[in-house]
Amino acid sequence: MNKVACAQHKQADQVLNTTYATVLKSYAQDAPFLAKFKQAQRAWIAFRDAQLAARFPKSDKQAEYGSAYPPAVAACLAN
């Protein structure tokens, strides 16, 4: 379960990073757009991390959520 969830997260992250790099390359001459785009991406990452923290709010994650916690986090991040 852990391996599958981690592999799915890794694959989704690769697609996301490839898409991000493509946008950066495609708009390399548009500095105002890139500045706003990067700002939006940083905001999205902060939102994603806050949403994950809200989904799993307990401080001792392993004790509270058990062995299902790592694959659950990976699945959330993949989505």
PDB file of N, CA and C in Angstrom:
ATOM      1  N   MET A   1       0.823  -1.182   0.000  1.00  0.00           N
ATOM      2  CA  MET A   1       0.000   0.000   0.000  1.00  0.00           C
ATOM      3  C   MET A   1       0.873   1.254   0.000  1.00  0.00           C
ATOM      4  N   ASN A   2       1.901   1.269   0.844  1.00  0.00           N
ATOM      5  CA  ASN A   2       2.815   2.406   0.886  1.00  0.00           C
ATOM      6  C   ASN A   2       3.519   2.604  -0.453  1.00  0.00           C
ATOM      7  N   LYS A   3       4.023   1.509  -1.016  1.00  0.00           N
ATOM      8  CA  LYS A   3       4.769   1.600  -2.271  1.00  0.00           C
ATOM      9  C   LYS A   3       3.890   2.130  -3.403  1.00  0.00           C
ATOM     10  N   VAL A   4       2.669   1.641  -3.483  1.00  0.00           N
ATOM     11  CA  VAL A   4       1.760   2.078  -4.543  1.00  0.00           C
ATOM     12  C   VAL A   4       1.424   3.552  -4.380  1.00  0.00           C
ATOM     13  N   ALA A   5       1.082   3.961  -3.178  1.00  0.00           N
ATOM     14  CA  ALA A   5       0.727   5.359  -2.930  1.00  0.00           C
ATOM     15  C   ALA A   5       1.910   6.274  -3.201  1.00  0.00           C
ATOM     16  N   CYS A   6       3.090   5.863  -2.777  1.00  0.00           N
ATOM     17  CA  CYS A   6       4.293   6.683  -3.012  1.00  0.00           C
ATOM     18  C   CYS A   6       4.619   6.766  -4.499  1.00  0.00           C
ATOM     19  N   ALA A   7       4.448   5.668  -5.208  1.00  0.00           N
ATOM     20  CA  ALA A   7       4.701   5.671  -6.650  1.00  0.00           C
ATOM     21  C   ALA A   7       3.710   6.585  -7.372  1.00  0.00           C
ATOM     22  N   GLN A   8       2.455   6.548  -6.965  1.00  0.00           N
ATOM     23  CA  GLN A   8       1.446   7.423  -7.579  1.00  0.00           C
ATOM     24  C   GLN A   8       1.759   8.886  -7.297  1.00  0.00           C
ATOM     25  N   HIS A   9       2.171   9.172  -6.064  1.00  0.00           N
ATOM     26  CA  HIS A   9       2.542  10.544  -5.717  1.00  0.00           C
ATOM     27  C   HIS A   9       3.747  10.990  -6.528  1.00  0.00           C
ATOM     28  N   LYS A  10       4.752  10.140  -6.648  1.00  0.00           N
ATOM     29  CA  LYS A  10       5.956  10.478  -7.400  1.00  0.00           C
ATOM     30  C   LYS A  10       5.613  10.747  -8.863  1.00  0.00           C
ATOM     31  N   GLN A  11       4.753   9.924  -9.443  1.00  0.00           N
ATOM     32  CA  GLN A  11       4.360  10.100 -10.841  1.00  0.00           C
ATOM     33  C   GLN A  11       3.592  11.412 -11.025  1.00  0.00           C
ATOM     34  N   ALA A  12       2.656  11.692 -10.132  1.00  0.00           N
ATOM     35  CA  ALA A  12       1.884  12.936 -10.217  1.00  0.00           C
ATOM     36  C   ALA A  12       2.795  14.146 -10.050  1.00  0.00           C
ATOM     37  N   ASP A  13       3.771  14.044  -9.162  1.00  0.00           N
ATOM     38  CA  ASP A  13       4.703  15.143  -8.935  1.00  0.00           C
ATOM     39  C   ASP A  13       5.570  15.384 -10.169  1.00  0.00           C
ATOM     40  N   GLN A  14       5.967  14.316 -10.832  1.00  0.00           N
ATOM     41  CA  GLN A  14       6.758  14.454 -12.054  1.00  0.00           C
ATOM     42  C   GLN A  14       5.961  15.154 -13.147  1.00  0.00           C
ATOM     43  N   VAL A  15       4.698  14.792 -13.291  1.00  0.00           N
ATOM     44  CA  VAL A  15       3.830  15.432 -14.285  1.00  0.00           C
ATOM     45  C   VAL A  15       3.675  16.920 -13.957  1.00  0.00           C
ATOM     46  N   LEU A  16       3.446  17.209 -12.694  1.00  0.00           N
ATOM     47  CA  LEU A  16       3.299  18.592 -12.249  1.00  0.00           C
ATOM     48  C   LEU A  16       4.571  19.394 -12.530  1.00  0.00           C
ATOM     49  N   ASN A  17       5.732  18.846 -12.199  1.00  0.00           N
ATOM     50  CA  ASN A  17       6.994  19.537 -12.424  1.00  0.00           C
ATOM     51  C   ASN A  17       7.298  19.724 -13.907  1.00  0.00           C
ATOM     52  N   THR A  18       6.951  18.748 -14.714  1.00  0.00           N
ATOM     53  CA  THR A  18       7.145  18.860 -16.159  1.00  0.00           C
ATOM     54  C   THR A  18       6.258  19.961 -16.731  1.00  0.00           C
ATOM     55  N   THR A  19       5.025  19.991 -16.284  1.00  0.00           N
ATOM     56  CA  THR A  19       4.102  21.030 -16.736  1.00  0.00           C
ATOM     57  C   THR A  19       4.581  22.410 -16.314  1.00  0.00           C
ATOM     58  N   TYR A  20       5.044  22.523 -15.079  1.00  0.00           N
ATOM     59  CA  TYR A  20       5.570  23.789 -14.571  1.00  0.00           C
ATOM     60  C   TYR A  20       6.755  24.250 -15.419  1.00  0.00           C
ATOM     61  N   ALA A  21       7.672  23.355 -15.710  1.00  0.00           N
ATOM     62  CA  ALA A  21       8.840  23.694 -16.527  1.00  0.00           C
ATOM     63  C   ALA A  21       8.429  24.117 -17.933  1.00  0.00           C
ATOM     64  N   THR A  22       7.426  23.472 -18.485  1.00  0.00           N
ATOM     65  CA  THR A  22       6.929  23.825 -19.814  1.00  0.00           C
ATOM     66  C   THR A  22       6.352  25.233 -19.822  1.00  0.00           C
ATOM     67  N   VAL A  23       5.589  25.567 -18.801  1.00  0.00           N
ATOM     68  CA  VAL A  23       5.027  26.916 -18.698  1.00  0.00           C
ATOM     69  C   VAL A  23       6.148  27.938 -18.570  1.00  0.00           C
ATOM     70  N   LEU A  24       7.126  27.661 -17.720  1.00  0.00           N
ATOM     71  CA  LEU A  24       8.249  28.590 -17.556  1.00  0.00           C
ATOM     72  C   LEU A  24       8.976  28.824 -18.879  1.00  0.00           C
ATOM     73  N   LYS A  25       9.177  27.759 -19.626  1.00  0.00           N
ATOM     74  CA  LYS A  25       9.873  27.868 -20.912  1.00  0.00           C
ATOM     75  C   LYS A  25       9.015  28.601 -21.942  1.00  0.00           C
ATOM     76  N   SER A  26       7.741  28.275 -21.973  1.00  0.00           N
ATOM     77  CA  SER A  26       6.846  28.874 -22.956  1.00  0.00           C
ATOM     78  C   SER A  26       6.675  30.375 -22.763  1.00  0.00           C
ATOM     79  N   TYR A  27       6.736  30.812 -21.520  1.00  0.00           N
ATOM     80  CA  TYR A  27       6.528  32.224 -21.203  1.00  0.00           C
ATOM     81  C   TYR A  27       7.805  32.913 -20.731  1.00  0.00           C
ATOM     82  N   ALA A  28       8.939  32.410 -21.141  1.00  0.00           N
ATOM     83  CA  ALA A  28      10.225  32.939 -20.686  1.00  0.00           C
ATOM     84  C   ALA A  28      10.393  34.423 -20.990  1.00  0.00           C
ATOM     85  N   GLN A  29       9.770  34.914 -22.031  1.00  0.00           N
ATOM     86  CA  GLN A  29       9.896  36.325 -22.419  1.00  0.00           C
ATOM     87  C   GLN A  29       8.865  37.219 -21.740  1.00  0.00           C
ATOM     88  N   ASP A  30       7.973  36.635 -20.971  1.00  0.00           N
ATOM     89  CA  ASP A  30       6.896  37.411 -20.333  1.00  0.00           C
ATOM     90  C   ASP A  30       7.129  37.484 -18.824  1.00  0.00           C
ATOM     91  N   ALA A  31       8.042  38.363 -18.430  1.00  0.00           N
ATOM     92  CA  ALA A  31       8.428  38.469 -17.018  1.00  0.00           C
ATOM     93  C   ALA A  31       7.260  38.793 -16.088  1.00  0.00           C
ATOM     94  N   PRO A  32       6.361  39.703 -16.453  1.00  0.00           N
ATOM     95  CA  PRO A  32       5.237  39.984 -15.543  1.00  0.00           C
ATOM     96  C   PRO A  32       4.354  38.751 -15.310  1.00  0.00           C
ATOM     97  N   PHE A  33       4.098  38.009 -16.378  1.00  0.00           N
ATOM     98  CA  PHE A  33       3.307  36.790 -16.217  1.00  0.00           C
ATOM     99  C   PHE A  33       4.023  35.794 -15.317  1.00  0.00           C
ATOM    100  N   LEU A  34       5.311  35.578 -15.572  1.00  0.00           N
ATOM    101  CA  LEU A  34       6.058  34.596 -14.779  1.00  0.00           C
ATOM    102  C   LEU A  34       6.095  34.972 -13.308  1.00  0.00           C
ATOM    103  N   ALA A  35       6.224  36.244 -13.013  1.00  0.00           N
ATOM    104  CA  ALA A  35       6.234  36.669 -11.607  1.00  0.00           C
ATOM    105  C   ALA A  35       4.905  36.326 -10.941  1.00  0.00           C
ATOM    106  N   LYS A  36       3.798  36.617 -11.625  1.00  0.00           N
ATOM    107  CA  LYS A  36       2.477  36.310 -11.067  1.00  0.00           C
ATOM    108  C   LYS A  36       2.228  34.807 -11.017  1.00  0.00           C
ATOM    109  N   PHE A  37       2.693  34.104 -12.025  1.00  0.00           N
ATOM    110  CA  PHE A  37       2.532  32.653 -12.067  1.00  0.00           C
ATOM    111  C   PHE A  37       3.265  31.996 -10.902  1.00  0.00           C
ATOM    112  N   LYS A  38       4.498  32.408 -10.676  1.00  0.00           N
ATOM    113  CA  LYS A  38       5.278  31.839  -9.569  1.00  0.00           C
ATOM    114  C   LYS A  38       4.649  32.177  -8.225  1.00  0.00           C
ATOM    115  N   GLN A  39       4.131  33.389  -8.104  1.00  0.00           N
ATOM    116  CA  GLN A  39       3.442  33.788  -6.877  1.00  0.00           C
ATOM    117  C   GLN A  39       2.210  32.904  -6.651  1.00  0.00           C
ATOM    118  N   ALA A  40       1.467  32.652  -7.708  1.00  0.00           N
ATOM    119  CA  ALA A  40       0.273  31.799  -7.610  1.00  0.00           C
ATOM    120  C   ALA A  40       0.651  30.370  -7.230  1.00  0.00           C
ATOM    121  N   GLN A  41       1.746  29.874  -7.783  1.00  0.00           N
ATOM    122  CA  GLN A  41       2.177  28.509  -7.471  1.00  0.00           C
ATOM    123  C   GLN A  41       2.612  28.384  -6.015  1.00  0.00           C
ATOM    124  N   ARG A  42       3.305  29.405  -5.511  1.00  0.00           N
ATOM    125  CA  ARG A  42       3.694  29.389  -4.089  1.00  0.00           C
ATOM    126  C   ARG A  42       2.449  29.408  -3.197  1.00  0.00           C
ATOM    127  N   ALA A  43       1.453  30.178  -3.589  1.00  0.00           N
ATOM    128  CA  ALA A  43       0.200  30.233  -2.821  1.00  0.00           C
ATOM    129  C   ALA A  43      -0.508  28.885  -2.869  1.00  0.00           C
ATOM    130  N   TRP A  44      -0.490  28.235  -4.032  1.00  0.00           N
ATOM    131  CA  TRP A  44      -1.130  26.923  -4.152  1.00  0.00           C
ATOM    132  C   TRP A  44      -0.431  25.894  -3.258  1.00  0.00           C
ATOM    133  N   ILE A  45       0.895  25.933  -3.217  1.00  0.00           N
ATOM    134  CA  ILE A  45       1.641  24.994  -2.368  1.00  0.00           C
ATOM    135  C   ILE A  45       1.292  25.232  -0.900  1.00  0.00           C
ATOM    136  N   ALA A  46       1.208  26.492  -0.503  1.00  0.00           N
ATOM    137  CA  ALA A  46       0.831  26.807   0.887  1.00  0.00           C
ATOM    138  C   ALA A  46      -0.579  26.293   1.185  1.00  0.00           C
ATOM    139  N   PHE A  47      -1.502  26.467   0.231  1.00  0.00           N
ATOM    140  CA  PHE A  47      -2.867  25.959   0.396  1.00  0.00           C
ATOM    141  C   PHE A  47      -2.880  24.445   0.501  1.00  0.00           C
ATOM    142  N   ARG A  48      -2.149  23.789  -0.389  1.00  0.00           N
ATOM    143  CA  ARG A  48      -2.090  22.324  -0.381  1.00  0.00           C
ATOM    144  C   ARG A  48      -1.572  21.810   0.956  1.00  0.00           C
ATOM    145  N   ASP A  49      -0.516  22.421   1.451  1.00  0.00           N
ATOM    146  CA  ASP A  49       0.060  21.995   2.724  1.00  0.00           C
ATOM    147  C   ASP A  49      -0.882  22.262   3.896  1.00  0.00           C
ATOM    148  N   ALA A  50      -1.577  23.403   3.856  1.00  0.00           N
ATOM    149  CA  ALA A  50      -2.536  23.728   4.920  1.00  0.00           C
ATOM    150  C   ALA A  50      -3.725  22.765   4.885  1.00  0.00           C
ATOM    151  N   GLN A  51      -4.168  22.430   3.704  1.00  0.00           N
ATOM    152  CA  GLN A  51      -5.273  21.479   3.565  1.00  0.00           C
ATOM    153  C   GLN A  51      -4.876  20.105   4.105  1.00  0.00           C
ATOM    154  N   LEU A  52      -3.661  19.698   3.828  1.00  0.00           N
ATOM    155  CA  LEU A  52      -3.163  18.413   4.337  1.00  0.00           C
ATOM    156  C   LEU A  52      -3.074  18.449   5.865  1.00  0.00           C
ATOM    157  N   ALA A  53      -2.590  19.547   6.409  1.00  0.00           N
ATOM    158  CA  ALA A  53      -2.503  19.693   7.864  1.00  0.00           C
ATOM    159  C   ALA A  53      -3.887  19.673   8.506  1.00  0.00           C
ATOM    160  N   ALA A  54      -4.863  20.245   7.832  1.00  0.00           N
ATOM    161  CA  ALA A  54      -6.228  20.235   8.362  1.00  0.00           C
ATOM    162  C   ALA A  54      -6.844  18.839   8.298  1.00  0.00           C
ATOM    163  N   ARG A  55      -6.481  18.090   7.291  1.00  0.00           N
ATOM    164  CA  ARG A  55      -7.008  16.732   7.144  1.00  0.00           C
ATOM    165  C   ARG A  55      -6.445  15.800   8.212  1.00  0.00           C
ATOM    166  N   PHE A  56      -5.186  16.049   8.591  1.00  0.00           N
ATOM    167  CA  PHE A  56      -4.513  15.240   9.613  1.00  0.00           C
ATOM    168  C   PHE A  56      -3.990  16.172  10.702  1.00  0.00           C
ATOM    169  N   PRO A  57      -4.868  16.664  11.571  1.00  0.00           N
ATOM    170  CA  PRO A  57      -4.490  17.722  12.515  1.00  0.00           C
ATOM    171  C   PRO A  57      -3.725  17.275  13.759  1.00  0.00           C
ATOM    172  N   LYS A  58      -3.739  16.015  14.085  1.00  0.00           N
ATOM    173  CA  LYS A  58      -3.097  15.550  15.324  1.00  0.00           C
ATOM    174  C   LYS A  58      -1.585  15.746  15.268  1.00  0.00           C
ATOM    175  N   SER A  59      -0.985  16.065  16.406  1.00  0.00           N
ATOM    176  CA  SER A  59       0.454  16.330  16.417  1.00  0.00           C
ATOM    177  C   SER A  59       1.282  15.054  16.289  1.00  0.00           C
ATOM    178  N   ASP A  60       0.847  13.969  16.926  1.00  0.00           N
ATOM    179  CA  ASP A  60       1.566  12.694  16.811  1.00  0.00           C
ATOM    180  C   ASP A  60       0.879  11.859  15.734  1.00  0.00           C
ATOM    181  N   LYS A  61       1.260  12.123  14.519  1.00  0.00           N
ATOM    182  CA  LYS A  61       0.581  11.527  13.358  1.00  0.00           C
ATOM    183  C   LYS A  61       0.604   9.996  13.393  1.00  0.00           C
ATOM    184  N   GLN A  62       1.761   9.422  13.652  1.00  0.00           N
ATOM    185  CA  GLN A  62       1.878   7.964  13.624  1.00  0.00           C
ATOM    186  C   GLN A  62       1.002   7.315  14.696  1.00  0.00           C
ATOM    187  N   ALA A  63       0.987   7.894  15.894  1.00  0.00           N
ATOM    188  CA  ALA A  63       0.182   7.324  16.971  1.00  0.00           C
ATOM    189  C   ALA A  63      -1.308   7.488  16.700  1.00  0.00           C
ATOM    190  N   GLU A  64      -1.678   8.609  16.151  1.00  0.00           N
ATOM    191  CA  GLU A  64      -3.101   8.896  15.930  1.00  0.00           C
ATOM    192  C   GLU A  64      -3.667   8.208  14.694  1.00  0.00           C
ATOM    193  N   TYR A  65      -2.882   8.156  13.620  1.00  0.00           N
ATOM    194  CA  TYR A  65      -3.414   7.640  12.352  1.00  0.00           C
ATOM    195  C   TYR A  65      -2.851   6.279  11.970  1.00  0.00           C
ATOM    196  N   GLY A  66      -1.807   5.856  12.655  1.00  0.00           N
ATOM    197  CA  GLY A  66      -1.263   4.523  12.430  1.00  0.00           C
ATOM    198  C   GLY A  66      -0.532   4.363  11.110  1.00  0.00           C
ATOM    199  N   SER A  67      -0.423   3.124  10.704  1.00  0.00           N
ATOM    200  CA  SER A  67       0.354   2.804   9.505  1.00  0.00           C
ATOM    201  C   SER A  67      -0.329   3.268   8.221  1.00  0.00           C
ATOM    202  N   ALA A  68      -1.594   3.644   8.305  1.00  0.00           N
ATOM    203  CA  ALA A  68      -2.299   4.144   7.122  1.00  0.00           C
ATOM    204  C   ALA A  68      -1.942   5.594   6.818  1.00  0.00           C
ATOM    205  N   TYR A  69      -1.278   6.262   7.765  1.00  0.00           N
ATOM    206  CA  TYR A  69      -0.967   7.677   7.570  1.00  0.00           C
ATOM    207  C   TYR A  69      -0.069   7.944   6.355  1.00  0.00           C
ATOM    208  N   PRO A  70       1.086   7.285   6.207  1.00  0.00           N
ATOM    209  CA  PRO A  70       1.948   7.601   5.050  1.00  0.00           C
ATOM    210  C   PRO A  70       1.261   7.415   3.699  1.00  0.00           C
ATOM    211  N   PRO A  71       0.574   6.291   3.461  1.00  0.00           N
ATOM    212  CA  PRO A  71      -0.073   6.175   2.146  1.00  0.00           C
ATOM    213  C   PRO A  71      -1.253   7.143   1.979  1.00  0.00           C
ATOM    214  N   ALA A  72      -1.905   7.496   3.075  1.00  0.00           N
ATOM    215  CA  ALA A  72      -3.002   8.468   2.987  1.00  0.00           C
ATOM    216  C   ALA A  72      -2.460   9.837   2.582  1.00  0.00           C
ATOM    217  N   VAL A  73      -1.343  10.219   3.164  1.00  0.00           N
ATOM    218  CA  VAL A  73      -0.713  11.502   2.802  1.00  0.00           C
ATOM    219  C   VAL A  73      -0.266  11.466   1.344  1.00  0.00           C
ATOM    220  N   ALA A  74       0.365  10.387   0.942  1.00  0.00           N
ATOM    221  CA  ALA A  74       0.820  10.270  -0.451  1.00  0.00           C
ATOM    222  C   ALA A  74      -0.352  10.341  -1.412  1.00  0.00           C
ATOM    223  N   ALA A  75      -1.467   9.695  -1.070  1.00  0.00           N
ATOM    224  CA  ALA A  75      -2.643   9.745  -1.931  1.00  0.00           C
ATOM    225  C   ALA A  75      -3.208  11.158  -2.017  1.00  0.00           C
ATOM    226  N   CYS A  76      -3.247  11.855  -0.898  1.00  0.00           N
ATOM    227  CA  CYS A  76      -3.712  13.244  -0.901  1.00  0.00           C
ATOM    228  C   CYS A  76      -2.815  14.105  -1.780  1.00  0.00           C
ATOM    229  N   LEU A  77      -1.518  13.936  -1.652  1.00  0.00           N
ATOM    230  CA  LEU A  77      -0.583  14.729  -2.431  1.00  0.00           C
ATOM    231  C   LEU A  77      -0.662  14.377  -3.922  1.00  0.00           C
ATOM    232  N   ALA A  78      -0.904  13.138  -4.226  1.00  0.00           N
ATOM    233  CA  ALA A  78      -1.036  12.741  -5.633  1.00  0.00           C
ATOM    234  C   ALA A  78      -2.260  13.349  -6.272  1.00  0.00           C
ATOM    235  N   ASN A  79      -3.317  13.456  -5.470  1.00  0.00           N
ATOM    236  CA  ASN A  79      -4.547  14.057  -6.011  1.00  0.00           C
ATOM    237  C   ASN A  79      -4.382  15.545  -6.178  1.00  0.00           C
TER     238      ASN A  79
END
